[in-house]
Amino acid sequence: MIADEASMAQMMVAAQKGDRAVYRALLAEVQLWLERYFRKRVAPAQLDDLVQEVLLAVHNKRATWDPKRAFYPWLAAIARYRWIDHLRKVYRSAEDELGDHDAAEDSEEEAVMARMSLERLFVHLPEKQVEAIELVKIEGLSIAEASQRSGQSESLVKVNIHRGLKKLSALVEKAD
């Protein structure tokens, strides 16, 4: 049975003061709570690993718990953040497994046509906006790198990208 809020708070206070036996009991209760919390959120094969990750996080963060505050919301916040990190890892690895085996091959003709379309749209923008968009959005440079290469400040690069894309969007919508 999972302990109530007051019991958990008392155990955590004793654990923070160094009572090892109470700390073990607290971790056992936390483990039960986490297993219930994650049971419907993750695959059964991933449950134990995630619970262990959160138990380690609770151990590392135990000094941050304030006895004036409720225990379970503090625990739930840690569990939620670890769950989100877990989901990111799972989705990232799932994307890696998919690969691009069935992806259509890029043809140079399509790239040339796309570039020509961009050039026609870029005529309607100021030169600095075009430069910022090309450096960051097309070449993939960071804002800092684009700032160095173009001689514009980082904030100006951001503003030029925003304004340029806004104008391009309006031009495309107008054409439809």
N, C-alpha and C. Protein backbone atom coordinates (compact mmCIF):
# COMPACT_ATOMS: atom_id res chain seq x y z
N MET A 1 0.84 -1.19 0.00
CA MET A 1 0.00 0.00 0.00
C MET A 1 0.88 1.25 0.00
N ILE A 2 0.48 2.20 -0.79
CA ILE A 2 1.25 3.44 -0.91
C ILE A 2 0.85 4.39 0.22
N ALA A 3 1.87 4.94 0.87
CA ALA A 3 1.65 5.80 2.03
C ALA A 3 0.99 7.12 1.62
N ASP A 4 0.34 7.75 2.59
CA ASP A 4 -0.30 9.03 2.34
C ASP A 4 0.72 10.16 2.38
N GLU A 5 0.27 11.34 2.03
CA GLU A 5 1.14 12.52 1.91
C GLU A 5 1.88 12.81 3.21
N ALA A 6 1.17 12.79 4.33
CA ALA A 6 1.80 13.13 5.61
C ALA A 6 2.89 12.12 5.97
N SER A 7 2.62 10.85 5.75
CA SER A 7 3.62 9.82 6.06
C SER A 7 4.85 9.97 5.19
N MET A 8 4.63 10.23 3.91
CA MET A 8 5.75 10.39 3.00
C MET A 8 6.58 11.61 3.39
N ALA A 9 5.91 12.69 3.76
CA ALA A 9 6.63 13.90 4.17
C ALA A 9 7.46 13.63 5.42
N GLN A 10 6.88 12.91 6.39
CA GLN A 10 7.62 12.59 7.62
C GLN A 10 8.83 11.71 7.30
N MET A 11 8.64 10.73 6.42
CA MET A 11 9.75 9.85 6.06
C MET A 11 10.85 10.65 5.35
N MET A 12 10.45 11.57 4.49
CA MET A 12 11.45 12.36 3.76
C MET A 12 12.23 13.26 4.70
N VAL A 13 11.55 13.84 5.70
CA VAL A 13 12.24 14.67 6.68
C VAL A 13 13.28 13.83 7.43
N ALA A 14 12.87 12.63 7.85
CA ALA A 14 13.79 11.74 8.57
C ALA A 14 14.94 11.31 7.65
N ALA A 15 14.63 11.06 6.39
CA ALA A 15 15.66 10.65 5.43
C ALA A 15 16.65 11.78 5.21
N GLN A 16 16.16 13.01 5.12
CA GLN A 16 17.06 14.14 4.94
C GLN A 16 17.97 14.34 6.15
N LYS A 17 17.50 13.88 7.31
CA LYS A 17 18.32 14.00 8.53
C LYS A 17 19.29 12.84 8.67
N GLY A 18 19.22 11.86 7.74
CA GLY A 18 20.20 10.78 7.74
C GLY A 18 19.71 9.44 8.24
N ASP A 19 18.43 9.25 8.47
CA ASP A 19 17.90 7.97 8.94
C ASP A 19 17.82 7.00 7.76
N ARG A 20 18.76 6.07 7.70
CA ARG A 20 18.87 5.16 6.55
C ARG A 20 17.70 4.18 6.45
N ALA A 21 17.26 3.67 7.59
CA ALA A 21 16.15 2.69 7.57
C ALA A 21 14.88 3.34 7.03
N VAL A 22 14.62 4.55 7.47
CA VAL A 22 13.43 5.27 6.98
C VAL A 22 13.61 5.61 5.50
N TYR A 23 14.83 5.94 5.10
CA TYR A 23 15.09 6.27 3.69
C TYR A 23 14.82 5.07 2.79
N ARG A 24 15.24 3.87 3.24
CA ARG A 24 14.95 2.66 2.47
C ARG A 24 13.44 2.43 2.36
N ALA A 25 12.72 2.65 3.46
CA ALA A 25 11.26 2.50 3.44
C ALA A 25 10.63 3.54 2.50
N LEU A 26 11.16 4.76 2.54
CA LEU A 26 10.67 5.82 1.66
C LEU A 26 10.88 5.43 0.20
N LEU A 27 12.06 4.95 -0.13
CA LEU A 27 12.33 4.55 -1.52
C LEU A 27 11.45 3.39 -1.96
N ALA A 28 11.14 2.47 -1.04
CA ALA A 28 10.24 1.36 -1.38
C ALA A 28 8.84 1.89 -1.71
N GLU A 29 8.38 2.85 -0.92
CA GLU A 29 7.06 3.46 -1.19
C GLU A 29 7.08 4.25 -2.49
N VAL A 30 8.16 4.98 -2.71
CA VAL A 30 8.30 5.75 -3.95
C VAL A 30 8.30 4.81 -5.15
N GLN A 31 9.00 3.69 -5.02
CA GLN A 31 9.04 2.72 -6.11
C GLN A 31 7.64 2.20 -6.45
N LEU A 32 6.84 1.88 -5.42
CA LEU A 32 5.47 1.43 -5.67
C LEU A 32 4.65 2.51 -6.38
N TRP A 33 4.81 3.74 -5.91
CA TRP A 33 4.06 4.84 -6.52
C TRP A 33 4.48 5.02 -7.98
N LEU A 34 5.78 4.97 -8.23
CA LEU A 34 6.28 5.15 -9.60
C LEU A 34 5.81 4.03 -10.52
N GLU A 35 5.79 2.81 -10.04
CA GLU A 35 5.32 1.70 -10.86
C GLU A 35 3.86 1.92 -11.27
N ARG A 36 3.05 2.40 -10.34
CA ARG A 36 1.64 2.70 -10.68
C ARG A 36 1.56 3.88 -11.65
N TYR A 37 2.39 4.89 -11.42
CA TYR A 37 2.38 6.09 -12.25
C TYR A 37 2.75 5.77 -13.70
N PHE A 38 3.77 4.93 -13.89
CA PHE A 38 4.27 4.65 -15.23
C PHE A 38 3.61 3.46 -15.92
N ARG A 39 2.86 2.66 -15.20
CA ARG A 39 2.32 1.42 -15.76
C ARG A 39 1.56 1.64 -17.06
N LYS A 40 0.78 2.70 -17.14
CA LYS A 40 0.00 2.96 -18.36
C LYS A 40 0.68 3.95 -19.29
N ARG A 41 1.85 4.41 -18.91
CA ARG A 41 2.54 5.42 -19.72
C ARG A 41 3.68 4.85 -20.57
N VAL A 42 4.23 3.71 -20.16
CA VAL A 42 5.35 3.13 -20.90
C VAL A 42 5.12 1.64 -21.11
N ALA A 43 5.86 1.09 -22.04
CA ALA A 43 5.77 -0.35 -22.31
C ALA A 43 6.29 -1.12 -21.10
N PRO A 44 5.72 -2.30 -20.83
CA PRO A 44 6.15 -3.07 -19.66
C PRO A 44 7.65 -3.35 -19.63
N ALA A 45 8.26 -3.55 -20.77
CA ALA A 45 9.70 -3.83 -20.82
C ALA A 45 10.53 -2.62 -20.39
N GLN A 46 9.97 -1.44 -20.45
CA GLN A 46 10.70 -0.22 -20.12
C GLN A 46 10.42 0.28 -18.71
N LEU A 47 9.46 -0.33 -18.04
CA LEU A 47 8.99 0.14 -16.74
C LEU A 47 10.10 0.15 -15.69
N ASP A 48 10.78 -0.97 -15.52
CA ASP A 48 11.80 -1.07 -14.47
C ASP A 48 12.94 -0.06 -14.67
N ASP A 49 13.39 0.08 -15.90
CA ASP A 49 14.48 1.03 -16.16
C ASP A 49 14.07 2.46 -15.83
N LEU A 50 12.86 2.82 -16.22
CA LEU A 50 12.39 4.18 -15.96
C LEU A 50 12.21 4.42 -14.46
N VAL A 51 11.66 3.44 -13.76
CA VAL A 51 11.49 3.57 -12.31
C VAL A 51 12.86 3.75 -11.65
N GLN A 52 13.85 2.97 -12.09
CA GLN A 52 15.19 3.10 -11.52
C GLN A 52 15.80 4.48 -11.81
N GLU A 53 15.58 4.98 -13.01
CA GLU A 53 16.07 6.33 -13.35
C GLU A 53 15.48 7.37 -12.42
N VAL A 54 14.17 7.26 -12.17
CA VAL A 54 13.52 8.25 -11.30
C VAL A 54 13.99 8.08 -9.87
N LEU A 55 14.18 6.85 -9.41
CA LEU A 55 14.69 6.64 -8.05
C LEU A 55 16.07 7.28 -7.89
N LEU A 56 16.90 7.15 -8.91
CA LEU A 56 18.21 7.81 -8.86
C LEU A 56 18.06 9.34 -8.82
N ALA A 57 17.13 9.85 -9.61
CA ALA A 57 16.89 11.29 -9.62
C ALA A 57 16.38 11.76 -8.26
N VAL A 58 15.48 10.99 -7.66
CA VAL A 58 14.98 11.34 -6.32
C VAL A 58 16.13 11.35 -5.33
N HIS A 59 16.98 10.34 -5.41
CA HIS A 59 18.15 10.28 -4.52
C HIS A 59 19.04 11.51 -4.71
N ASN A 60 19.31 11.86 -5.96
CA ASN A 60 20.18 13.00 -6.24
C ASN A 60 19.54 14.34 -5.89
N LYS A 61 18.22 14.42 -5.95
CA LYS A 61 17.52 15.68 -5.73
C LYS A 61 16.88 15.77 -4.34
N ARG A 62 17.12 14.79 -3.47
CA ARG A 62 16.42 14.74 -2.18
C ARG A 62 16.65 15.99 -1.34
N ALA A 63 17.78 16.62 -1.49
CA ALA A 63 18.06 17.83 -0.71
C ALA A 63 17.24 19.02 -1.20
N THR A 64 16.68 18.93 -2.39
CA THR A 64 15.91 20.07 -2.91
C THR A 64 14.48 20.08 -2.41
N TRP A 65 14.02 18.98 -1.81
CA TRP A 65 12.65 18.95 -1.32
C TRP A 65 12.52 19.82 -0.09
N ASP A 66 11.53 20.68 -0.07
CA ASP A 66 11.29 21.60 1.03
C ASP A 66 10.20 21.00 1.93
N PRO A 67 10.48 20.77 3.21
CA PRO A 67 9.49 20.18 4.11
C PRO A 67 8.21 21.01 4.26
N LYS A 68 8.25 22.25 3.87
CA LYS A 68 7.05 23.09 3.95
C LYS A 68 6.09 22.82 2.79
N ARG A 69 6.56 22.06 1.80
CA ARG A 69 5.75 21.77 0.61
C ARG A 69 5.35 20.30 0.59
N ALA A 70 4.37 20.00 -0.24
CA ALA A 70 3.87 18.63 -0.36
C ALA A 70 4.91 17.74 -1.05
N PHE A 71 4.96 16.47 -0.65
CA PHE A 71 5.95 15.54 -1.19
C PHE A 71 5.55 15.01 -2.56
N TYR A 72 4.31 14.57 -2.71
CA TYR A 72 3.90 13.92 -3.95
C TYR A 72 3.99 14.82 -5.19
N PRO A 73 3.62 16.09 -5.11
CA PRO A 73 3.83 16.94 -6.30
C PRO A 73 5.30 17.07 -6.68
N TRP A 74 6.19 17.12 -5.69
CA TRP A 74 7.62 17.16 -5.95
C TRP A 74 8.06 15.88 -6.67
N LEU A 75 7.61 14.74 -6.17
CA LEU A 75 7.93 13.45 -6.78
C LEU A 75 7.33 13.36 -8.19
N ALA A 76 6.10 13.81 -8.35
CA ALA A 76 5.44 13.75 -9.65
C ALA A 76 6.16 14.61 -10.68
N ALA A 77 6.69 15.75 -10.26
CA ALA A 77 7.42 16.60 -11.19
C ALA A 77 8.69 15.90 -11.68
N ILE A 78 9.40 15.27 -10.77
CA ILE A 78 10.61 14.53 -11.16
C ILE A 78 10.24 13.39 -12.10
N ALA A 79 9.20 12.65 -11.75
CA ALA A 79 8.76 11.52 -12.58
C ALA A 79 8.34 11.99 -13.96
N ARG A 80 7.62 13.09 -14.02
CA ARG A 80 7.17 13.60 -15.32
C ARG A 80 8.34 14.00 -16.21
N TYR A 81 9.31 14.71 -15.64
CA TYR A 81 10.47 15.12 -16.44
C TYR A 81 11.26 13.92 -16.93
N ARG A 82 11.44 12.92 -16.09
CA ARG A 82 12.16 11.71 -16.51
C ARG A 82 11.37 10.96 -17.58
N TRP A 83 10.06 10.97 -17.46
CA TRP A 83 9.21 10.31 -18.45
C TRP A 83 9.35 11.00 -19.82
N ILE A 84 9.35 12.32 -19.80
CA ILE A 84 9.52 13.08 -21.05
C ILE A 84 10.89 12.79 -21.66
N ASP A 85 11.93 12.76 -20.84
CA ASP A 85 13.26 12.41 -21.34
C ASP A 85 13.25 11.00 -21.94
N HIS A 86 12.56 10.10 -21.27
CA HIS A 86 12.46 8.72 -21.77
C HIS A 86 11.77 8.68 -23.13
N LEU A 87 10.67 9.43 -23.27
CA LEU A 87 9.94 9.45 -24.54
C LEU A 87 10.82 10.01 -25.65
N ARG A 88 11.59 11.03 -25.34
CA ARG A 88 12.49 11.59 -26.35
C ARG A 88 13.49 10.55 -26.83
N LYS A 89 14.06 9.79 -25.88
CA LYS A 89 15.01 8.75 -26.25
C LYS A 89 14.35 7.67 -27.10
N VAL A 90 13.14 7.27 -26.71
CA VAL A 90 12.44 6.21 -27.44
C VAL A 90 12.12 6.67 -28.85
N TYR A 91 11.60 7.88 -28.99
CA TYR A 91 11.25 8.37 -30.33
C TYR A 91 12.49 8.61 -31.18
N ARG A 92 13.56 9.08 -30.56
CA ARG A 92 14.79 9.31 -31.30
C ARG A 92 15.33 7.98 -31.84
N SER A 93 15.32 6.95 -31.02
CA SER A 93 15.83 5.66 -31.48
C SER A 93 14.90 5.04 -32.51
N ALA A 94 13.59 5.29 -32.39
CA ALA A 94 12.64 4.78 -33.38
C ALA A 94 12.88 5.45 -34.73
N GLU A 95 13.18 6.73 -34.73
CA GLU A 95 13.48 7.44 -35.98
C GLU A 95 14.76 6.90 -36.61
N ASP A 96 15.75 6.59 -35.78
CA ASP A 96 17.01 6.05 -36.30
C ASP A 96 16.80 4.70 -36.97
N GLU A 97 15.90 3.89 -36.42
CA GLU A 97 15.64 2.57 -36.96
C GLU A 97 14.92 2.63 -38.30
N LEU A 98 14.10 3.66 -38.50
CA LEU A 98 13.31 3.74 -39.72
C LEU A 98 14.17 3.89 -40.97
N GLY A 99 15.12 4.77 -40.92
CA GLY A 99 15.99 4.98 -42.09
C GLY A 99 15.21 5.54 -43.27
N ASP A 100 15.87 5.69 -44.37
CA ASP A 100 15.26 6.23 -45.59
C ASP A 100 15.35 5.24 -46.73
N HIS A 101 15.10 3.97 -46.45
CA HIS A 101 15.24 2.94 -47.47
C HIS A 101 14.27 3.13 -48.64
N ASP A 102 13.07 3.62 -48.31
CA ASP A 102 12.05 3.75 -49.35
C ASP A 102 11.87 5.19 -49.81
N ALA A 103 12.73 6.08 -49.34
CA ALA A 103 12.60 7.49 -49.70
C ALA A 103 12.89 7.68 -51.19
N ALA A 104 12.15 8.59 -51.77
CA ALA A 104 12.38 8.90 -53.18
C ALA A 104 13.73 9.59 -53.31
N GLU A 105 14.42 9.27 -54.36
CA GLU A 105 15.72 9.90 -54.58
C GLU A 105 15.51 11.33 -55.05
N ASP A 106 16.35 12.23 -54.54
CA ASP A 106 16.26 13.62 -54.95
C ASP A 106 16.81 13.74 -56.37
N SER A 107 16.07 14.46 -57.16
CA SER A 107 16.59 14.71 -58.51
C SER A 107 17.11 16.13 -58.56
N GLU A 108 18.12 16.33 -59.35
CA GLU A 108 18.69 17.67 -59.48
C GLU A 108 17.69 18.62 -60.11
N GLU A 109 16.84 18.08 -60.95
CA GLU A 109 15.84 18.92 -61.62
C GLU A 109 14.92 19.58 -60.61
N GLU A 110 14.47 18.81 -59.61
CA GLU A 110 13.59 19.38 -58.59
C GLU A 110 14.32 20.45 -57.78
N ALA A 111 15.57 20.21 -57.45
CA ALA A 111 16.35 21.18 -56.70
C ALA A 111 16.53 22.47 -57.49
N VAL A 112 16.78 22.33 -58.77
CA VAL A 112 16.96 23.50 -59.63
C VAL A 112 15.65 24.29 -59.72
N MET A 113 14.54 23.58 -59.88
CA MET A 113 13.23 24.25 -59.97
C MET A 113 12.90 24.98 -58.66
N ALA A 114 13.20 24.34 -57.54
CA ALA A 114 12.94 24.96 -56.24
C ALA A 114 13.78 26.21 -56.08
N ARG A 115 15.04 26.13 -56.47
CA ARG A 115 15.93 27.28 -56.35
C ARG A 115 15.46 28.43 -57.24
N MET A 116 14.98 28.09 -58.45
CA MET A 116 14.46 29.13 -59.34
C MET A 116 13.23 29.80 -58.73
N SER A 117 12.39 29.03 -58.11
CA SER A 117 11.20 29.59 -57.46
C SER A 117 11.60 30.51 -56.32
N LEU A 118 12.59 30.09 -55.55
CA LEU A 118 13.07 30.94 -54.46
C LEU A 118 13.65 32.24 -54.99
N GLU A 119 14.43 32.14 -56.05
CA GLU A 119 15.04 33.34 -56.63
C GLU A 119 13.97 34.33 -57.07
N ARG A 120 12.88 33.81 -57.65
CA ARG A 120 11.79 34.70 -58.07
C ARG A 120 11.14 35.38 -56.88
N LEU A 121 11.04 34.67 -55.76
CA LEU A 121 10.44 35.25 -54.56
C LEU A 121 11.40 36.22 -53.87
N PHE A 122 12.69 35.89 -53.87
CA PHE A 122 13.69 36.72 -53.21
C PHE A 122 13.80 38.11 -53.83
N VAL A 123 13.37 38.26 -55.07
CA VAL A 123 13.42 39.56 -55.74
C VAL A 123 12.60 40.59 -54.97
N HIS A 124 11.58 40.13 -54.26
CA HIS A 124 10.67 41.03 -53.54
C HIS A 124 11.17 41.39 -52.14
N LEU A 125 12.32 40.85 -51.74
CA LEU A 125 12.84 41.10 -50.39
C LEU A 125 14.10 41.95 -50.43
N PRO A 126 14.35 42.70 -49.35
CA PRO A 126 15.62 43.42 -49.25
C PRO A 126 16.79 42.43 -49.19
N GLU A 127 17.94 42.86 -49.65
CA GLU A 127 19.11 42.00 -49.76
C GLU A 127 19.52 41.38 -48.42
N LYS A 128 19.45 42.14 -47.33
CA LYS A 128 19.86 41.63 -46.02
C LYS A 128 18.94 40.51 -45.54
N GLN A 129 17.65 40.61 -45.86
CA GLN A 129 16.71 39.55 -45.49
C GLN A 129 17.00 38.28 -46.27
N VAL A 130 17.25 38.44 -47.55
CA VAL A 130 17.59 37.29 -48.40
C VAL A 130 18.85 36.60 -47.87
N GLU A 131 19.85 37.41 -47.55
CA GLU A 131 21.11 36.86 -47.07
C GLU A 131 20.91 36.08 -45.77
N ALA A 132 20.15 36.65 -44.85
CA ALA A 132 19.91 35.99 -43.56
C ALA A 132 19.15 34.67 -43.75
N ILE A 133 18.15 34.69 -44.60
CA ILE A 133 17.35 33.47 -44.85
C ILE A 133 18.22 32.40 -45.51
N GLU A 134 19.01 32.79 -46.49
CA GLU A 134 19.86 31.80 -47.17
C GLU A 134 20.88 31.19 -46.21
N LEU A 135 21.51 32.01 -45.39
CA LEU A 135 22.54 31.51 -44.49
C LEU A 135 21.97 30.56 -43.43
N VAL A 136 20.85 30.95 -42.82
CA VAL A 136 20.32 30.15 -41.71
C VAL A 136 19.38 29.05 -42.19
N LYS A 137 18.44 29.39 -43.04
CA LYS A 137 17.41 28.42 -43.42
C LYS A 137 17.82 27.49 -44.56
N ILE A 138 18.66 27.95 -45.44
CA ILE A 138 19.04 27.11 -46.58
C ILE A 138 20.39 26.43 -46.34
N GLU A 139 21.39 27.22 -45.91
CA GLU A 139 22.71 26.63 -45.68
C GLU A 139 22.82 25.95 -44.32
N GLY A 140 21.91 26.29 -43.39
CA GLY A 140 21.88 25.62 -42.09
C GLY A 140 22.86 26.17 -41.07
N LEU A 141 23.32 27.39 -41.25
CA LEU A 141 24.22 27.99 -40.27
C LEU A 141 23.45 28.40 -39.03
N SER A 142 24.14 28.51 -37.91
CA SER A 142 23.52 29.03 -36.69
C SER A 142 23.37 30.55 -36.83
N ILE A 143 22.60 31.12 -35.94
CA ILE A 143 22.42 32.58 -35.95
C ILE A 143 23.77 33.27 -35.77
N ALA A 144 24.58 32.74 -34.85
CA ALA A 144 25.89 33.35 -34.58
C ALA A 144 26.79 33.27 -35.82
N GLU A 145 26.79 32.12 -36.49
CA GLU A 145 27.62 31.97 -37.69
C GLU A 145 27.14 32.89 -38.82
N ALA A 146 25.82 32.97 -38.97
CA ALA A 146 25.26 33.85 -40.00
C ALA A 146 25.59 35.31 -39.69
N SER A 147 25.58 35.66 -38.41
CA SER A 147 25.91 37.02 -38.00
C SER A 147 27.35 37.35 -38.37
N GLN A 148 28.25 36.42 -38.10
CA GLN A 148 29.66 36.64 -38.44
C GLN A 148 29.85 36.78 -39.94
N ARG A 149 29.24 35.88 -40.70
CA ARG A 149 29.45 35.88 -42.14
C ARG A 149 28.83 37.10 -42.81
N SER A 150 27.67 37.53 -42.32
CA SER A 150 26.96 38.63 -42.99
C SER A 150 27.33 40.01 -42.46
N GLY A 151 27.92 40.04 -41.26
CA GLY A 151 28.24 41.33 -40.67
C GLY A 151 27.06 41.97 -39.96
N GLN A 152 25.94 41.26 -39.89
CA GLN A 152 24.77 41.75 -39.16
C GLN A 152 24.84 41.26 -37.72
N SER A 153 24.22 41.99 -36.81
CA SER A 153 24.18 41.51 -35.42
C SER A 153 23.25 40.29 -35.37
N GLU A 154 23.40 39.51 -34.31
CA GLU A 154 22.57 38.31 -34.18
C GLU A 154 21.09 38.67 -34.13
N SER A 155 20.75 39.72 -33.40
CA SER A 155 19.34 40.11 -33.32
C SER A 155 18.83 40.59 -34.67
N LEU A 156 19.68 41.27 -35.44
CA LEU A 156 19.27 41.72 -36.77
C LEU A 156 19.07 40.53 -37.71
N VAL A 157 19.91 39.52 -37.59
CA VAL A 157 19.73 38.31 -38.40
C VAL A 157 18.37 37.70 -38.11
N LYS A 158 18.03 37.59 -36.81
CA LYS A 158 16.73 37.02 -36.43
C LYS A 158 15.57 37.84 -36.97
N VAL A 159 15.69 39.16 -36.84
CA VAL A 159 14.63 40.05 -37.32
C VAL A 159 14.49 39.94 -38.84
N ASN A 160 15.60 39.92 -39.54
CA ASN A 160 15.56 39.81 -41.01
C ASN A 160 14.96 38.49 -41.45
N ILE A 161 15.28 37.42 -40.77
CA ILE A 161 14.68 36.12 -41.10
C ILE A 161 13.18 36.18 -40.87
N HIS A 162 12.78 36.67 -39.72
CA HIS A 162 11.36 36.74 -39.39
C HIS A 162 10.59 37.59 -40.40
N ARG A 163 11.09 38.77 -40.66
CA ARG A 163 10.39 39.66 -41.59
C ARG A 163 10.40 39.11 -43.01
N GLY A 164 11.52 38.54 -43.42
CA GLY A 164 11.62 37.98 -44.76
C GLY A 164 10.67 36.80 -44.96
N LEU A 165 10.64 35.90 -43.99
CA LEU A 165 9.74 34.74 -44.11
C LEU A 165 8.28 35.16 -44.06
N LYS A 166 8.00 36.18 -43.27
CA LYS A 166 6.63 36.69 -43.20
C LYS A 166 6.20 37.24 -44.56
N LYS A 167 7.09 38.00 -45.19
CA LYS A 167 6.78 38.57 -46.49
C LYS A 167 6.67 37.48 -47.56
N LEU A 168 7.58 36.49 -47.51
CA LEU A 168 7.51 35.38 -48.46
C LEU A 168 6.20 34.62 -48.30
N SER A 169 5.80 34.41 -47.08
CA SER A 169 4.53 33.71 -46.81
C SER A 169 3.36 34.50 -47.40
N ALA A 170 3.38 35.80 -47.22
CA ALA A 170 2.30 36.63 -47.77
C ALA A 170 2.30 36.58 -49.29
N LEU A 171 3.48 36.57 -49.90
CA LEU A 171 3.58 36.49 -51.36
C LEU A 171 3.02 35.16 -51.88
N VAL A 172 3.36 34.08 -51.20
CA VAL A 172 2.88 32.77 -51.62
C VAL A 172 1.37 32.68 -51.48
N GLU A 173 0.84 33.18 -50.36
CA GLU A 173 -0.60 33.15 -50.15
C GLU A 173 -1.33 34.01 -51.18
N LYS A 174 -0.75 35.13 -51.52
CA LYS A 174 -1.34 36.03 -52.50
C LYS A 174 -1.39 35.36 -53.88
N ALA A 175 -0.36 34.57 -54.19
CA ALA A 175 -0.30 33.89 -55.48
C ALA A 175 -1.36 32.80 -55.60
N ASP A 176 -1.74 32.21 -54.47
CA ASP A 176 -2.77 31.17 -54.50
C ASP A 176 -4.09 31.80 -54.71
